[in-house]
Amino acid sequence: MLFYPKMYVNTIKDIPYEELEKNNIKAIILDMDNTLIDFEVNVLERS
């Protein structure tokens, strides 16, 4: 899989801006309806 989640937060407000800035992250991909990864896949086990 090309894109794989590296961070999990409960709401968009929980995304730490300082971490994004520190890691020079310019964009975020949000999978609100699980179209990028199957809902049944436990992504925490794969990371």
N, C-alpha and C. Protein backbone atom coordinates (compact mmCIF):
# COMPACT_ATOMS: atom_id res chain seq x y z
N MET A 1 0.85 -1.18 0.00
CA MET A 1 0.00 0.00 0.00
C MET A 1 0.89 1.24 0.00
N LEU A 2 0.60 2.16 -0.87
CA LEU A 2 1.41 3.36 -1.01
C LEU A 2 1.26 4.29 0.20
N PHE A 3 0.03 4.57 0.59
CA PHE A 3 -0.23 5.43 1.74
C PHE A 3 -0.63 4.57 2.91
N TYR A 4 -0.03 4.84 4.05
CA TYR A 4 -0.36 4.07 5.24
C TYR A 4 -0.36 5.01 6.43
N PRO A 5 -1.37 4.93 7.28
CA PRO A 5 -1.46 5.89 8.39
C PRO A 5 -0.27 5.80 9.34
N LYS A 6 0.20 6.94 9.75
CA LYS A 6 1.30 7.03 10.72
C LYS A 6 0.82 7.64 12.04
N MET A 7 -0.36 8.25 12.01
CA MET A 7 -0.89 8.91 13.20
C MET A 7 -2.40 8.69 13.28
N TYR A 8 -2.88 8.54 14.49
CA TYR A 8 -4.30 8.35 14.73
C TYR A 8 -4.75 9.34 15.79
N VAL A 9 -5.79 10.10 15.51
CA VAL A 9 -6.33 11.05 16.47
C VAL A 9 -7.84 10.94 16.47
N ASN A 10 -8.46 11.34 17.58
CA ASN A 10 -9.92 11.26 17.67
C ASN A 10 -10.62 12.34 16.87
N THR A 11 -10.06 13.54 16.87
CA THR A 11 -10.63 14.64 16.09
C THR A 11 -9.51 15.39 15.40
N ILE A 12 -9.86 16.14 14.40
CA ILE A 12 -8.86 16.92 13.66
C ILE A 12 -8.19 17.95 14.57
N LYS A 13 -8.90 18.36 15.62
CA LYS A 13 -8.34 19.32 16.58
C LYS A 13 -7.20 18.71 17.39
N ASP A 14 -7.10 17.38 17.43
CA ASP A 14 -6.05 16.71 18.19
C ASP A 14 -4.74 16.54 17.41
N ILE A 15 -4.71 16.99 16.17
CA ILE A 15 -3.49 16.89 15.39
C ILE A 15 -2.49 17.92 15.91
N PRO A 16 -1.33 17.47 16.39
CA PRO A 16 -0.36 18.41 16.98
C PRO A 16 0.37 19.23 15.91
N TYR A 17 0.00 20.49 15.80
CA TYR A 17 0.59 21.36 14.79
C TYR A 17 2.11 21.42 14.91
N GLU A 18 2.60 21.43 16.13
CA GLU A 18 4.05 21.51 16.35
C GLU A 18 4.77 20.31 15.74
N GLU A 19 4.17 19.13 15.84
CA GLU A 19 4.77 17.93 15.24
C GLU A 19 4.80 18.04 13.72
N LEU A 20 3.72 18.54 13.14
CA LEU A 20 3.66 18.71 11.69
C LEU A 20 4.76 19.68 11.23
N GLU A 21 4.86 20.78 11.93
CA GLU A 21 5.87 21.78 11.58
C GLU A 21 7.29 21.23 11.77
N LYS A 22 7.52 20.52 12.87
CA LYS A 22 8.84 19.98 13.16
C LYS A 22 9.27 18.96 12.09
N ASN A 23 8.32 18.19 11.56
CA ASN A 23 8.61 17.17 10.56
C ASN A 23 8.43 17.67 9.13
N ASN A 24 8.23 18.98 8.98
CA ASN A 24 8.08 19.61 7.68
C ASN A 24 6.95 19.01 6.85
N ILE A 25 5.85 18.66 7.53
CA ILE A 25 4.68 18.09 6.86
C ILE A 25 3.84 19.23 6.30
N LYS A 26 3.57 19.17 5.01
CA LYS A 26 2.85 20.24 4.33
C LYS A 26 1.39 19.87 4.02
N ALA A 27 1.05 18.59 4.08
CA ALA A 27 -0.31 18.16 3.74
C ALA A 27 -0.71 16.97 4.60
N ILE A 28 -2.01 16.81 4.79
CA ILE A 28 -2.56 15.70 5.56
C ILE A 28 -3.64 15.03 4.73
N ILE A 29 -3.64 13.71 4.70
CA ILE A 29 -4.69 12.97 4.02
C ILE A 29 -5.64 12.43 5.09
N LEU A 30 -6.90 12.81 5.00
CA LEU A 30 -7.91 12.36 5.95
C LEU A 30 -8.80 11.33 5.27
N ASP A 31 -8.94 10.17 5.88
CA ASP A 31 -9.80 9.11 5.35
C ASP A 31 -11.05 9.03 6.22
N MET A 32 -11.95 9.95 6.00
CA MET A 32 -13.13 10.08 6.85
C MET A 32 -14.11 8.91 6.69
N ASP A 33 -14.18 8.32 5.51
CA ASP A 33 -15.17 7.26 5.29
C ASP A 33 -14.53 5.93 4.89
N ASN A 34 -13.25 5.77 5.21
CA ASN A 34 -12.52 4.52 4.96
C ASN A 34 -12.51 4.10 3.50
N THR A 35 -12.29 5.04 2.62
CA THR A 35 -12.18 4.69 1.20
C THR A 35 -10.74 4.33 0.83
N LEU A 36 -9.78 4.75 1.65
CA LEU A 36 -8.38 4.46 1.34
C LEU A 36 -7.91 3.14 1.93
N ILE A 37 -8.48 2.73 3.02
CA ILE A 37 -8.10 1.47 3.67
C ILE A 37 -9.36 0.80 4.19
N ASP A 38 -9.39 -0.51 4.09
CA ASP A 38 -10.55 -1.28 4.52
C ASP A 38 -10.78 -1.10 6.02
N PHE A 39 -12.00 -0.84 6.39
CA PHE A 39 -12.37 -0.62 7.79
C PHE A 39 -12.04 -1.83 8.67
N GLU A 40 -12.08 -3.02 8.11
CA GLU A 40 -11.84 -4.24 8.87
C GLU A 40 -10.35 -4.51 9.14
N VAL A 41 -9.47 -3.81 8.45
CA VAL A 41 -8.04 -4.01 8.63
C VAL A 41 -7.59 -3.28 9.89
N ASN A 42 -6.89 -3.98 10.76
CA ASN A 42 -6.38 -3.35 11.97
C ASN A 42 -5.01 -2.75 11.66
N VAL A 43 -5.00 -1.48 11.30
CA VAL A 43 -3.76 -0.84 10.87
C VAL A 43 -2.76 -0.67 12.01
N LEU A 44 -3.21 -0.66 13.24
CA LEU A 44 -2.28 -0.52 14.35
C LEU A 44 -1.35 -1.72 14.47
N GLU A 45 -1.81 -2.89 14.07
CA GLU A 45 -0.99 -4.09 14.14
C GLU A 45 0.10 -4.10 13.06
N ARG A 46 -0.11 -3.39 11.98
CA ARG A 46 0.82 -3.40 10.85
C ARG A 46 1.91 -2.37 10.97
N SER A 47 1.75 -1.37 11.78
CA SER A 47 2.75 -0.29 11.83
C SER A 47 3.92 -0.61 12.72
